[in-house]
Each structure stands twice: as structure tokens, then as C-alpha cells.
């Protein structure tokens, strides 16, 4: 894969598909010469599916000095409130962890209006708990088609768009998932690679704040 140039803050996202990770190697790994700084970890899906490796990955990422985050895979048609409560029950973010992420990539049988309503329900519940607007992960085309309405304008976006030299998305974005077939030391097989659109200091501003 090609790794876009001009970005220093790089990271990956993982789930049970990556199987056992060699954290010793991963903590010292680089992508295009830049250290792996952050890792988003799949936590939950729908109202009852927990990623098998979440607890281990979440614990070990922090033990190995990576900035960690946890995402929920949204199942359209499943009760949005219950999906949010399930995520909050299973994931306990601490100060310095990346803010929560909602992964939205399917419409299921919902109309665009129903999808937007349910996505907003999840975001509102999780925002009330943590006091920060969650990150919305979605594909470039999906964002344009379904999530480009004004109520989502203030959320940080994490855009998946592969096989392009630069992100064609014209709006504000926080993260770009630029390949699903990256190679990183410590992980067998492919892994998604991401870049953060800013400095390390700006990345830290998108983490859970400490007690005031």
C-alpha cells in the first residue's frame, strides 16, 4: 500500500481479526518512518456483541504507551439507545484515552432520516456521559450520502477512503483511514492504517479530559 506523505501522526485500528498481537514489536513499530502513536480498538457491535479481544487489546495498548480509543460498530435497526448503553457498560475510557467512536457504514432497512435519527441518539447519549462529542467513522461516499446534514457538522470525522493520494473529502476531518491492507510490525496479516490531521498536541485535545 502507499502511505500518504506530509503527516506525522499515524495509527492503526484493530479487532479480533488481528488475532494475537506482539505488543513488544508494535510499541516500537513505524508506518512510513513515523511511530505508531494511536490505536483504535473494536469494542462493541449492536446491543450484545463484544469483540473477543477488546479487553486484552485495550489494556495492553495503554501498557505499551499507545494512545488508545474504543469504537462501537453501529447496527442499523437495533435500538440506538440500547446500543449506546451497551457501549458505555463495556467500555470505561480514562483521561488520556481517545474520545468515543461510532462506526457507521450500513443503512440496513432504515430510511436516511431514520438512520440519522438513530445515529444522533447514540451520539447524544455517549456525549452526555463523557462531555465530549464522539468521533463519527464512516466512508467518504457514505458521509456524503447520509451524514452530511447540519446536525453532524460539529462532530470530528474519521473518513475511510482507500487507494487515493489525498483525501477528496472537502469538509473538516480528524482522521483518514487510507488503507485496509497496511503492514505493521507486531501484527500478522493486514491492518487498517490511519493518519491524524494535526499535531500530537492537537491529537491530545481529542482525548478524554482529566478531572478539572
N, C-alpha and C. Protein backbone atom coordinates (compact mmCIF):
# COMPACT_ATOMS: atom_id res chain seq x y z
N UNK A 1 0.83 -1.21 0.00
CA UNK A 1 0.00 0.00 0.00
C UNK A 1 0.86 1.27 0.00
N UNK A 2 0.30 2.36 -0.44
CA UNK A 2 1.01 3.63 -0.36
C UNK A 2 0.60 4.33 0.93
N UNK A 3 1.55 5.01 1.53
CA UNK A 3 1.28 5.74 2.77
C UNK A 3 1.39 7.23 2.45
N UNK A 4 0.28 7.96 2.56
CA UNK A 4 0.29 9.37 2.16
C UNK A 4 1.37 10.15 2.91
N UNK A 5 1.97 11.10 2.20
CA UNK A 5 3.06 11.87 2.79
C UNK A 5 2.54 13.16 3.42
N UNK A 6 3.38 13.74 4.26
CA UNK A 6 3.03 15.03 4.84
C UNK A 6 2.29 14.94 6.16
N UNK A 7 2.22 13.72 6.73
CA UNK A 7 1.54 13.54 8.01
C UNK A 7 2.46 12.80 8.96
N UNK A 8 2.56 13.30 10.19
CA UNK A 8 3.47 12.68 11.16
C UNK A 8 2.77 11.75 12.14
N UNK A 9 1.48 12.00 12.40
CA UNK A 9 0.80 11.29 13.48
C UNK A 9 0.00 10.13 12.87
N UNK A 10 0.54 8.94 13.07
CA UNK A 10 -0.04 7.76 12.42
C UNK A 10 -0.51 6.74 13.45
N UNK A 11 -1.50 5.95 13.04
CA UNK A 11 -2.02 4.95 13.95
C UNK A 11 -2.73 3.84 13.19
N UNK A 12 -3.28 2.92 13.95
CA UNK A 12 -3.95 1.75 13.36
C UNK A 12 -5.28 1.55 14.08
N UNK A 13 -6.13 0.69 13.48
CA UNK A 13 -7.30 0.22 14.23
C UNK A 13 -7.36 -1.29 14.12
N UNK A 14 -7.77 -1.91 15.22
CA UNK A 14 -7.67 -3.36 15.35
C UNK A 14 -8.96 -3.95 15.93
N UNK A 15 -9.12 -5.25 15.69
CA UNK A 15 -10.22 -6.02 16.29
C UNK A 15 -9.71 -7.45 16.43
N UNK A 16 -10.62 -8.36 16.74
CA UNK A 16 -10.19 -9.76 16.89
C UNK A 16 -9.62 -10.33 15.58
N UNK A 17 -9.90 -9.67 14.45
CA UNK A 17 -9.34 -10.15 13.16
C UNK A 17 -7.81 -10.14 13.16
N UNK A 18 -7.22 -9.27 13.97
CA UNK A 18 -5.76 -9.21 14.02
C UNK A 18 -5.18 -10.33 14.90
N UNK A 19 -6.04 -11.11 15.56
CA UNK A 19 -5.61 -12.22 16.42
C UNK A 19 -4.64 -11.71 17.48
N UNK A 20 -3.67 -12.56 17.86
CA UNK A 20 -2.75 -12.16 18.94
C UNK A 20 -1.73 -11.17 18.39
N UNK A 21 -1.58 -10.07 19.10
CA UNK A 21 -0.66 -9.01 18.67
C UNK A 21 0.61 -9.08 19.50
N UNK A 22 1.74 -8.90 18.84
CA UNK A 22 3.02 -8.81 19.56
C UNK A 22 3.23 -7.35 19.95
N UNK A 23 2.82 -7.02 21.18
CA UNK A 23 2.83 -5.63 21.62
C UNK A 23 4.26 -5.09 21.77
N UNK A 24 5.20 -5.95 22.09
CA UNK A 24 6.61 -5.51 22.18
C UNK A 24 7.05 -4.91 20.84
N UNK A 25 6.69 -5.61 19.76
CA UNK A 25 7.05 -5.13 18.42
C UNK A 25 6.21 -3.93 18.03
N UNK A 26 4.92 -4.00 18.34
CA UNK A 26 4.02 -2.93 17.91
C UNK A 26 4.36 -1.60 18.57
N UNK A 27 4.78 -1.62 19.82
CA UNK A 27 5.05 -0.36 20.53
C UNK A 27 6.21 0.39 19.90
N UNK A 28 7.09 -0.34 19.20
CA UNK A 28 8.24 0.29 18.53
C UNK A 28 8.07 0.37 17.01
N UNK A 29 6.87 0.01 16.52
CA UNK A 29 6.64 -0.05 15.07
C UNK A 29 6.55 1.34 14.47
N UNK A 30 6.84 1.41 13.17
CA UNK A 30 6.67 2.66 12.44
C UNK A 30 5.82 2.41 11.20
N UNK A 31 5.19 3.48 10.73
CA UNK A 31 4.48 3.47 9.45
C UNK A 31 5.08 4.60 8.63
N UNK A 32 5.67 4.25 7.49
CA UNK A 32 6.32 5.25 6.63
C UNK A 32 7.31 6.10 7.42
N UNK A 33 8.03 5.46 8.35
CA UNK A 33 9.07 6.15 9.10
C UNK A 33 8.59 6.91 10.33
N UNK A 34 7.28 6.97 10.52
CA UNK A 34 6.73 7.67 11.70
C UNK A 34 6.25 6.64 12.72
N UNK A 35 6.42 6.91 14.02
CA UNK A 35 6.00 5.93 15.02
C UNK A 35 4.48 5.73 15.02
N UNK A 36 4.06 4.53 15.39
CA UNK A 36 2.63 4.29 15.61
C UNK A 36 2.27 4.95 16.94
N UNK A 37 1.40 5.95 16.87
CA UNK A 37 1.07 6.74 18.07
C UNK A 37 -0.23 6.30 18.72
N UNK A 38 -1.22 5.95 17.87
CA UNK A 38 -2.55 5.69 18.44
C UNK A 38 -3.12 4.40 17.86
N UNK A 39 -4.05 3.82 18.62
CA UNK A 39 -4.71 2.61 18.19
C UNK A 39 -6.19 2.67 18.59
N UNK A 40 -7.05 2.54 17.60
CA UNK A 40 -8.49 2.40 17.86
C UNK A 40 -8.83 0.92 17.91
N UNK A 41 -9.59 0.53 18.93
CA UNK A 41 -9.86 -0.89 19.18
C UNK A 41 -11.36 -1.14 19.10
N UNK A 42 -11.74 -2.17 18.36
CA UNK A 42 -13.17 -2.50 18.31
C UNK A 42 -13.61 -3.00 19.68
N UNK A 43 -14.70 -2.42 20.18
CA UNK A 43 -15.22 -2.81 21.49
C UNK A 43 -16.52 -3.59 21.34
N UNK A 44 -17.53 -2.94 20.77
CA UNK A 44 -18.88 -3.50 20.78
C UNK A 44 -19.53 -3.35 19.42
N UNK A 45 -20.60 -4.13 19.24
CA UNK A 45 -21.38 -4.08 18.00
C UNK A 45 -22.83 -4.37 18.37
N UNK A 46 -23.75 -3.53 17.86
CA UNK A 46 -25.16 -3.76 18.15
C UNK A 46 -25.46 -3.65 19.65
N UNK A 47 -26.32 -4.55 20.14
CA UNK A 47 -26.73 -4.47 21.56
C UNK A 47 -26.14 -5.57 22.43
N UNK A 48 -25.42 -6.54 21.82
CA UNK A 48 -24.86 -7.57 22.69
C UNK A 48 -23.56 -8.23 22.22
N UNK A 49 -23.00 -7.75 21.12
CA UNK A 49 -21.78 -8.40 20.62
C UNK A 49 -20.55 -7.63 21.09
N UNK A 50 -19.72 -8.33 21.83
CA UNK A 50 -18.48 -7.72 22.34
C UNK A 50 -17.32 -8.32 21.54
N UNK A 51 -16.37 -7.51 21.13
CA UNK A 51 -15.22 -8.07 20.42
C UNK A 51 -14.41 -8.93 21.38
N UNK A 52 -14.09 -10.15 20.94
CA UNK A 52 -13.42 -11.14 21.81
C UNK A 52 -12.11 -10.62 22.41
N UNK A 53 -11.39 -9.80 21.66
CA UNK A 53 -10.06 -9.38 22.10
C UNK A 53 -10.05 -7.98 22.70
N UNK A 54 -11.24 -7.38 22.87
CA UNK A 54 -11.26 -5.97 23.27
C UNK A 54 -10.54 -5.73 24.60
N UNK A 55 -10.91 -6.44 25.64
CA UNK A 55 -10.37 -6.13 26.96
C UNK A 55 -8.85 -6.26 26.99
N UNK A 56 -8.36 -7.33 26.36
CA UNK A 56 -6.90 -7.54 26.31
C UNK A 56 -6.22 -6.43 25.50
N UNK A 57 -6.77 -6.15 24.32
CA UNK A 57 -6.17 -5.12 23.46
C UNK A 57 -6.22 -3.74 24.12
N UNK A 58 -7.32 -3.46 24.79
CA UNK A 58 -7.49 -2.15 25.41
C UNK A 58 -6.49 -1.97 26.55
N UNK A 59 -6.32 -3.01 27.33
CA UNK A 59 -5.38 -2.96 28.45
C UNK A 59 -3.93 -2.87 27.94
N UNK A 60 -3.57 -3.75 27.00
CA UNK A 60 -2.18 -3.83 26.57
C UNK A 60 -1.75 -2.61 25.74
N UNK A 61 -2.68 -1.99 25.05
CA UNK A 61 -2.30 -0.79 24.29
C UNK A 61 -1.82 0.31 25.24
N UNK A 62 -2.51 0.48 26.35
CA UNK A 62 -2.08 1.51 27.30
C UNK A 62 -0.78 1.09 27.99
N UNK A 63 -0.66 -0.19 28.34
CA UNK A 63 0.57 -0.68 28.97
C UNK A 63 1.80 -0.43 28.09
N UNK A 64 1.55 -0.38 26.78
CA UNK A 64 2.66 -0.20 25.83
C UNK A 64 2.73 1.23 25.27
N UNK A 65 2.16 2.15 26.03
CA UNK A 65 2.31 3.60 25.75
C UNK A 65 1.73 4.06 24.42
N UNK A 66 0.70 3.36 23.95
CA UNK A 66 -0.01 3.82 22.77
C UNK A 66 -1.26 4.59 23.25
N UNK A 67 -1.63 5.61 22.51
CA UNK A 67 -2.85 6.35 22.83
C UNK A 67 -4.01 5.52 22.30
N UNK A 68 -4.90 5.11 23.18
CA UNK A 68 -5.91 4.12 22.79
C UNK A 68 -7.30 4.74 22.71
N UNK A 69 -8.13 4.14 21.85
CA UNK A 69 -9.53 4.51 21.76
C UNK A 69 -10.36 3.26 21.55
N UNK A 70 -11.68 3.41 21.68
CA UNK A 70 -12.57 2.25 21.55
C UNK A 70 -13.76 2.63 20.68
N UNK A 71 -14.10 1.76 19.71
CA UNK A 71 -15.22 2.09 18.83
C UNK A 71 -16.35 1.08 18.91
N UNK A 72 -17.55 1.59 18.60
CA UNK A 72 -18.76 0.79 18.55
C UNK A 72 -19.21 0.68 17.10
N UNK A 73 -19.48 -0.55 16.66
CA UNK A 73 -19.97 -0.77 15.30
C UNK A 73 -21.50 -0.70 15.34
N UNK A 74 -22.04 0.29 14.65
CA UNK A 74 -23.47 0.57 14.69
C UNK A 74 -24.25 -0.42 13.83
N UNK A 75 -25.28 -1.03 14.42
CA UNK A 75 -26.14 -1.95 13.67
C UNK A 75 -27.47 -1.24 13.42
N UNK A 76 -27.73 -0.83 12.16
CA UNK A 76 -28.98 -0.11 11.88
C UNK A 76 -30.18 -1.00 12.13
N UNK A 77 -31.18 -0.46 12.79
CA UNK A 77 -32.38 -1.24 13.10
C UNK A 77 -32.38 -1.75 14.53
N UNK A 78 -31.19 -1.95 15.13
CA UNK A 78 -31.14 -2.30 16.55
C UNK A 78 -31.36 -1.02 17.34
N UNK A 79 -31.95 -1.15 18.52
CA UNK A 79 -32.30 0.01 19.34
C UNK A 79 -31.07 0.88 19.63
N UNK A 80 -31.10 2.13 19.17
CA UNK A 80 -29.93 3.01 19.27
C UNK A 80 -29.57 3.31 20.72
N UNK A 81 -30.58 3.52 21.56
CA UNK A 81 -30.32 3.79 22.98
C UNK A 81 -29.64 2.60 23.63
N UNK A 82 -30.14 1.40 23.35
CA UNK A 82 -29.53 0.20 23.93
C UNK A 82 -28.11 0.00 23.41
N UNK A 83 -27.88 0.35 22.14
CA UNK A 83 -26.52 0.24 21.60
C UNK A 83 -25.57 1.17 22.35
N UNK A 84 -26.02 2.39 22.63
CA UNK A 84 -25.18 3.35 23.35
C UNK A 84 -24.93 2.86 24.78
N UNK A 85 -25.99 2.36 25.43
CA UNK A 85 -25.84 1.90 26.81
C UNK A 85 -24.93 0.68 26.90
N UNK A 86 -25.00 -0.18 25.91
CA UNK A 86 -24.13 -1.36 25.86
C UNK A 86 -22.67 -0.93 25.76
N UNK A 87 -22.40 0.02 24.86
CA UNK A 87 -21.03 0.54 24.72
C UNK A 87 -20.55 1.14 26.05
N UNK A 88 -21.37 1.95 26.66
CA UNK A 88 -20.97 2.61 27.91
C UNK A 88 -20.77 1.61 29.05
N UNK A 89 -21.52 0.52 29.00
CA UNK A 89 -21.39 -0.50 30.04
C UNK A 89 -20.07 -1.29 29.90
N UNK A 90 -19.66 -1.51 28.65
CA UNK A 90 -18.50 -2.37 28.39
C UNK A 90 -17.18 -1.60 28.32
N UNK A 91 -17.25 -0.32 27.99
CA UNK A 91 -16.04 0.46 27.73
C UNK A 91 -15.91 1.53 28.81
N UNK A 92 -14.77 1.55 29.48
CA UNK A 92 -14.55 2.56 30.52
C UNK A 92 -13.32 3.38 30.14
N UNK A 93 -13.59 4.46 29.42
CA UNK A 93 -12.50 5.32 28.96
C UNK A 93 -11.95 6.12 30.13
N UNK A 94 -10.65 6.34 30.11
CA UNK A 94 -9.98 7.09 31.17
C UNK A 94 -9.38 8.36 30.57
N UNK A 95 -9.05 9.35 31.42
CA UNK A 95 -8.39 10.55 30.90
C UNK A 95 -7.16 10.18 30.08
N UNK A 96 -7.02 10.81 28.92
CA UNK A 96 -5.90 10.50 28.03
C UNK A 96 -6.26 9.49 26.95
N UNK A 97 -7.40 8.78 27.11
CA UNK A 97 -7.88 7.89 26.03
C UNK A 97 -8.54 8.75 24.96
N UNK A 98 -8.53 8.26 23.72
CA UNK A 98 -9.22 8.95 22.64
C UNK A 98 -10.73 8.95 22.90
N UNK A 99 -11.39 10.01 22.44
CA UNK A 99 -12.83 10.12 22.68
C UNK A 99 -13.57 8.99 21.94
N UNK A 100 -14.80 8.66 22.39
CA UNK A 100 -15.53 7.52 21.82
C UNK A 100 -15.75 7.65 20.31
N UNK A 101 -15.87 6.50 19.67
CA UNK A 101 -16.07 6.46 18.21
C UNK A 101 -17.30 5.62 17.88
N UNK A 102 -18.12 6.15 16.96
CA UNK A 102 -19.23 5.39 16.40
C UNK A 102 -18.91 5.10 14.94
N UNK A 103 -18.90 3.82 14.60
CA UNK A 103 -18.60 3.34 13.24
C UNK A 103 -19.92 3.08 12.52
N UNK A 104 -20.22 3.91 11.52
CA UNK A 104 -21.49 3.80 10.78
C UNK A 104 -21.17 3.55 9.32
N UNK A 105 -21.53 2.36 8.84
CA UNK A 105 -21.23 2.09 7.42
C UNK A 105 -22.38 1.43 6.66
N UNK A 106 -23.50 1.15 7.37
CA UNK A 106 -24.62 0.47 6.71
C UNK A 106 -25.92 1.18 7.05
N UNK A 107 -26.88 1.10 6.13
CA UNK A 107 -28.19 1.70 6.41
C UNK A 107 -29.21 0.64 6.83
N UNK A 108 -28.92 -0.64 6.52
CA UNK A 108 -29.89 -1.69 6.82
C UNK A 108 -31.20 -1.40 6.11
N UNK A 109 -32.32 -1.56 6.82
CA UNK A 109 -33.63 -1.26 6.23
C UNK A 109 -34.13 0.12 6.62
N UNK A 110 -33.27 0.94 7.19
CA UNK A 110 -33.70 2.26 7.64
C UNK A 110 -33.72 3.26 6.48
N UNK A 111 -34.64 4.20 6.56
CA UNK A 111 -34.59 5.33 5.63
C UNK A 111 -33.42 6.23 6.07
N UNK A 112 -32.93 7.09 5.20
CA UNK A 112 -31.87 8.02 5.62
C UNK A 112 -32.26 8.83 6.86
N UNK A 113 -33.53 9.24 6.94
CA UNK A 113 -33.98 10.02 8.11
C UNK A 113 -33.91 9.18 9.39
N UNK A 114 -34.37 7.94 9.31
CA UNK A 114 -34.33 7.05 10.49
C UNK A 114 -32.89 6.78 10.91
N UNK A 115 -32.02 6.57 9.93
CA UNK A 115 -30.61 6.32 10.23
C UNK A 115 -30.02 7.52 10.97
N UNK A 116 -30.26 8.71 10.45
CA UNK A 116 -29.71 9.92 11.07
C UNK A 116 -30.26 10.10 12.49
N UNK A 117 -31.54 9.84 12.66
CA UNK A 117 -32.15 9.97 14.00
C UNK A 117 -31.47 9.00 14.98
N UNK A 118 -31.28 7.74 14.57
CA UNK A 118 -30.70 6.73 15.47
C UNK A 118 -29.23 7.01 15.76
N UNK A 119 -28.50 7.43 14.74
CA UNK A 119 -27.08 7.78 14.94
C UNK A 119 -26.98 8.93 15.94
N UNK A 120 -27.82 9.93 15.78
CA UNK A 120 -27.81 11.09 16.67
C UNK A 120 -28.17 10.67 18.10
N UNK A 121 -29.10 9.73 18.24
CA UNK A 121 -29.47 9.23 19.58
C UNK A 121 -28.25 8.64 20.27
N UNK A 122 -27.51 7.78 19.56
CA UNK A 122 -26.31 7.16 20.14
C UNK A 122 -25.30 8.25 20.53
N UNK A 123 -25.05 9.16 19.62
CA UNK A 123 -24.05 10.21 19.86
C UNK A 123 -24.42 11.05 21.09
N UNK A 124 -25.70 11.39 21.20
CA UNK A 124 -26.15 12.25 22.31
C UNK A 124 -25.97 11.56 23.66
N UNK A 125 -26.31 10.28 23.73
CA UNK A 125 -26.20 9.54 25.00
C UNK A 125 -24.74 9.43 25.42
N UNK A 126 -23.87 9.11 24.48
CA UNK A 126 -22.45 8.94 24.80
C UNK A 126 -21.81 10.30 25.12
N UNK A 127 -22.25 11.34 24.43
CA UNK A 127 -21.72 12.67 24.73
C UNK A 127 -22.09 13.10 26.15
N UNK A 128 -23.33 12.79 26.57
CA UNK A 128 -23.75 13.15 27.93
C UNK A 128 -22.87 12.50 28.98
N UNK A 129 -22.46 11.25 28.71
CA UNK A 129 -21.63 10.52 29.67
C UNK A 129 -20.22 11.13 29.77
N UNK A 130 -19.61 11.42 28.63
CA UNK A 130 -18.20 11.82 28.63
C UNK A 130 -17.98 13.32 28.48
N UNK A 131 -19.03 14.06 28.13
CA UNK A 131 -18.88 15.51 27.99
C UNK A 131 -18.10 15.94 26.77
N UNK A 132 -17.94 15.03 25.79
CA UNK A 132 -17.25 15.36 24.54
C UNK A 132 -18.05 14.79 23.38
N UNK A 133 -17.98 15.47 22.23
CA UNK A 133 -18.67 14.95 21.05
C UNK A 133 -17.90 13.75 20.50
N UNK A 134 -18.55 12.58 20.35
CA UNK A 134 -17.85 11.41 19.80
C UNK A 134 -17.38 11.64 18.37
N UNK A 135 -16.47 10.77 17.95
CA UNK A 135 -15.98 10.75 16.57
C UNK A 135 -16.93 9.90 15.73
N UNK A 136 -17.21 10.36 14.53
CA UNK A 136 -18.01 9.56 13.59
C UNK A 136 -17.08 8.96 12.54
N UNK A 137 -17.02 7.63 12.50
CA UNK A 137 -16.25 6.93 11.47
C UNK A 137 -17.21 6.51 10.36
N UNK A 138 -16.87 6.81 9.13
CA UNK A 138 -17.69 6.38 8.01
C UNK A 138 -16.89 6.49 6.72
N UNK A 139 -17.40 5.91 5.66
CA UNK A 139 -16.76 6.01 4.35
C UNK A 139 -17.03 7.36 3.71
N UNK A 140 -16.15 7.75 2.81
CA UNK A 140 -16.26 9.03 2.09
C UNK A 140 -17.63 9.17 1.44
N UNK A 141 -18.06 8.15 0.66
CA UNK A 141 -19.33 8.24 -0.06
C UNK A 141 -20.51 8.18 0.91
N UNK A 142 -20.38 7.35 1.94
CA UNK A 142 -21.47 7.22 2.92
C UNK A 142 -21.68 8.56 3.64
N UNK A 143 -20.60 9.21 3.97
CA UNK A 143 -20.69 10.53 4.63
C UNK A 143 -21.46 11.51 3.75
N UNK A 144 -21.10 11.55 2.47
CA UNK A 144 -21.75 12.49 1.56
C UNK A 144 -23.24 12.16 1.38
N UNK A 145 -23.52 10.87 1.33
CA UNK A 145 -24.89 10.44 1.02
C UNK A 145 -25.83 10.54 2.22
N UNK A 146 -25.33 10.19 3.41
CA UNK A 146 -26.25 10.02 4.55
C UNK A 146 -25.97 10.92 5.75
N UNK A 147 -24.72 11.35 5.93
CA UNK A 147 -24.37 12.03 7.18
C UNK A 147 -23.85 13.44 6.96
N UNK A 148 -24.34 14.09 5.89
CA UNK A 148 -23.84 15.42 5.58
C UNK A 148 -24.83 16.51 5.99
N UNK A 149 -25.82 16.15 6.80
CA UNK A 149 -26.83 17.11 7.24
C UNK A 149 -26.27 17.94 8.42
N UNK A 150 -26.87 19.11 8.68
CA UNK A 150 -26.29 20.06 9.64
C UNK A 150 -26.08 19.50 11.05
N UNK A 151 -26.91 18.55 11.49
CA UNK A 151 -26.76 18.09 12.89
C UNK A 151 -25.44 17.35 13.14
N UNK A 152 -24.74 16.97 12.07
CA UNK A 152 -23.46 16.27 12.25
C UNK A 152 -22.24 17.17 11.97
N UNK A 153 -22.50 18.43 11.70
CA UNK A 153 -21.43 19.33 11.26
C UNK A 153 -20.34 19.52 12.32
N UNK A 154 -20.71 19.42 13.60
CA UNK A 154 -19.75 19.72 14.68
C UNK A 154 -18.98 18.51 15.19
N UNK A 155 -19.23 17.34 14.62
CA UNK A 155 -18.53 16.14 15.11
C UNK A 155 -17.20 15.98 14.39
N UNK A 156 -16.18 15.46 15.10
CA UNK A 156 -14.94 15.10 14.41
C UNK A 156 -15.20 13.88 13.52
N UNK A 157 -14.78 13.94 12.28
CA UNK A 157 -15.00 12.82 11.35
C UNK A 157 -13.72 12.03 11.12
N UNK A 158 -13.91 10.73 11.04
CA UNK A 158 -12.84 9.79 10.69
C UNK A 158 -13.31 9.15 9.38
N UNK A 159 -12.64 9.50 8.29
CA UNK A 159 -13.12 9.13 6.95
C UNK A 159 -12.29 7.98 6.38
N UNK A 160 -12.99 6.94 5.93
CA UNK A 160 -12.32 5.83 5.23
C UNK A 160 -12.36 6.12 3.74
N UNK A 161 -11.19 6.18 3.13
CA UNK A 161 -11.11 6.40 1.68
C UNK A 161 -9.78 5.83 1.22
N UNK A 162 -9.87 4.70 0.49
CA UNK A 162 -8.66 3.95 0.12
C UNK A 162 -8.22 4.27 -1.31
N UNK A 163 -6.95 3.94 -1.55
CA UNK A 163 -6.39 3.97 -2.90
C UNK A 163 -6.45 5.35 -3.55
N UNK A 164 -6.33 6.39 -2.73
CA UNK A 164 -6.24 7.74 -3.28
C UNK A 164 -5.03 8.43 -2.65
N UNK A 165 -4.41 9.34 -3.42
CA UNK A 165 -3.21 10.02 -2.92
C UNK A 165 -3.55 11.04 -1.86
N UNK A 166 -4.72 11.67 -2.04
CA UNK A 166 -5.13 12.59 -0.99
C UNK A 166 -6.63 12.44 -0.78
N UNK A 167 -7.06 12.80 0.40
CA UNK A 167 -8.47 12.65 0.74
C UNK A 167 -9.29 13.64 -0.07
N UNK A 168 -10.27 13.12 -0.83
CA UNK A 168 -11.07 14.00 -1.67
C UNK A 168 -12.14 14.74 -0.86
N UNK A 169 -12.38 14.25 0.34
CA UNK A 169 -13.39 14.86 1.19
C UNK A 169 -13.04 16.31 1.48
N UNK A 170 -13.98 17.22 1.25
CA UNK A 170 -13.68 18.65 1.34
C UNK A 170 -13.94 19.25 2.72
N UNK A 171 -14.71 18.57 3.57
CA UNK A 171 -15.04 19.14 4.87
C UNK A 171 -13.90 18.98 5.87
N UNK A 172 -14.16 19.34 7.11
CA UNK A 172 -13.17 19.16 8.17
C UNK A 172 -13.09 17.67 8.49
N UNK A 173 -11.90 17.20 8.76
CA UNK A 173 -11.77 15.80 9.17
C UNK A 173 -10.65 15.69 10.19
N UNK A 174 -10.79 14.69 11.06
CA UNK A 174 -9.79 14.46 12.11
C UNK A 174 -8.86 13.32 11.75
N UNK A 175 -9.44 12.22 11.22
CA UNK A 175 -8.65 11.03 10.87
C UNK A 175 -9.00 10.59 9.46
N UNK A 176 -8.01 10.00 8.82
CA UNK A 176 -8.23 9.40 7.49
C UNK A 176 -7.70 7.97 7.54
N UNK A 177 -8.61 7.04 7.31
CA UNK A 177 -8.20 5.63 7.18
C UNK A 177 -7.91 5.42 5.70
N UNK A 178 -6.60 5.34 5.38
CA UNK A 178 -6.21 5.40 3.97
C UNK A 178 -5.94 4.04 3.35
N UNK A 179 -5.86 3.00 4.17
CA UNK A 179 -5.71 1.65 3.60
C UNK A 179 -6.22 0.61 4.58
N UNK A 180 -6.72 -0.49 4.03
CA UNK A 180 -7.14 -1.62 4.87
C UNK A 180 -6.15 -2.78 4.71
N UNK A 181 -5.03 -2.51 4.05
CA UNK A 181 -4.05 -3.60 3.87
C UNK A 181 -2.64 -3.12 4.21
N UNK A 182 -2.54 -2.42 5.34
CA UNK A 182 -1.24 -1.98 5.80
C UNK A 182 -0.47 -3.12 6.46
N UNK A 183 0.84 -2.95 6.53
CA UNK A 183 1.70 -3.92 7.23
C UNK A 183 2.43 -3.20 8.34
N UNK A 184 2.28 -3.73 9.55
CA UNK A 184 2.90 -3.09 10.71
C UNK A 184 3.54 -4.17 11.57
N UNK A 185 4.75 -3.88 12.06
CA UNK A 185 5.46 -4.85 12.91
C UNK A 185 4.60 -5.21 14.12
N UNK A 186 4.57 -6.51 14.44
CA UNK A 186 3.81 -6.98 15.60
C UNK A 186 2.44 -7.52 15.24
N UNK A 187 2.02 -7.29 13.99
CA UNK A 187 0.70 -7.77 13.56
C UNK A 187 0.87 -8.66 12.34
N UNK A 188 0.35 -9.88 12.46
CA UNK A 188 0.37 -10.81 11.31
C UNK A 188 -0.77 -10.42 10.38
N UNK A 189 -0.50 -10.42 9.10
CA UNK A 189 -1.56 -10.08 8.15
C UNK A 189 -1.75 -8.57 8.06
N UNK A 190 -2.85 -8.20 7.42
CA UNK A 190 -3.09 -6.78 7.14
C UNK A 190 -3.73 -6.07 8.32
N UNK A 191 -3.54 -4.75 8.34
CA UNK A 191 -4.18 -3.92 9.36
C UNK A 191 -4.55 -2.58 8.73
N UNK A 192 -5.64 -1.98 9.21
CA UNK A 192 -6.04 -0.65 8.73
C UNK A 192 -5.05 0.39 9.26
N UNK A 193 -4.63 1.30 8.38
CA UNK A 193 -3.72 2.37 8.80
C UNK A 193 -4.42 3.72 8.66
N UNK A 194 -4.09 4.61 9.59
CA UNK A 194 -4.77 5.89 9.68
C UNK A 194 -3.76 7.01 9.90
N UNK A 195 -4.18 8.22 9.49
CA UNK A 195 -3.40 9.39 9.85
C UNK A 195 -4.30 10.38 10.56
N UNK A 196 -3.69 11.10 11.49
CA UNK A 196 -4.41 12.16 12.19
C UNK A 196 -4.07 13.48 11.53
N UNK A 197 -5.08 14.30 11.35
CA UNK A 197 -4.93 15.56 10.63
C UNK A 197 -4.52 16.67 11.60
N UNK A 198 -3.27 16.59 12.07
CA UNK A 198 -2.82 17.60 13.01
C UNK A 198 -1.57 17.15 13.75
N UNK A 199 -1.24 17.88 14.80
CA UNK A 199 -0.04 17.61 15.59
C UNK A 199 -0.38 16.67 16.75
N UNK A 200 0.65 16.20 17.43
CA UNK A 200 0.44 15.35 18.61
C UNK A 200 -0.33 16.14 19.68
N UNK A 201 -0.02 17.40 19.81
CA UNK A 201 -0.73 18.25 20.77
C UNK A 201 -2.22 18.33 20.42
N UNK A 202 -2.52 18.46 19.13
CA UNK A 202 -3.93 18.52 18.71
C UNK A 202 -4.62 17.17 18.91
N UNK A 203 -3.87 16.08 18.72
CA UNK A 203 -4.43 14.75 18.99
C UNK A 203 -4.83 14.65 20.47
N UNK A 204 -3.98 15.16 21.35
CA UNK A 204 -4.27 15.08 22.78
C UNK A 204 -5.51 15.90 23.15
N UNK A 205 -5.85 16.88 22.32
CA UNK A 205 -7.07 17.64 22.57
C UNK A 205 -8.32 16.84 22.23
N UNK A 206 -8.14 15.74 21.50
CA UNK A 206 -9.27 14.85 21.18
C UNK A 206 -9.24 13.61 22.08
N UNK A 207 -8.80 13.81 23.31
CA UNK A 207 -8.83 12.71 24.29
C UNK A 207 -9.76 13.10 25.44
N UNK A 208 -10.08 12.11 26.27
CA UNK A 208 -10.94 12.35 27.44
C UNK A 208 -10.19 13.27 28.40
N UNK A 209 -10.81 14.38 28.80
CA UNK A 209 -10.11 15.30 29.70
C UNK A 209 -9.99 14.73 31.12
N UNK A 210 -8.96 15.16 31.80
CA UNK A 210 -8.79 14.76 33.20
C UNK A 210 -9.72 15.57 34.09
N UNK A 211 -9.77 15.25 35.38
CA UNK A 211 -10.64 15.99 36.30
C UNK A 211 -10.22 17.46 36.35
N UNK A 212 -11.21 18.33 36.37
CA UNK A 212 -10.94 19.78 36.35
C UNK A 212 -10.60 20.27 37.75
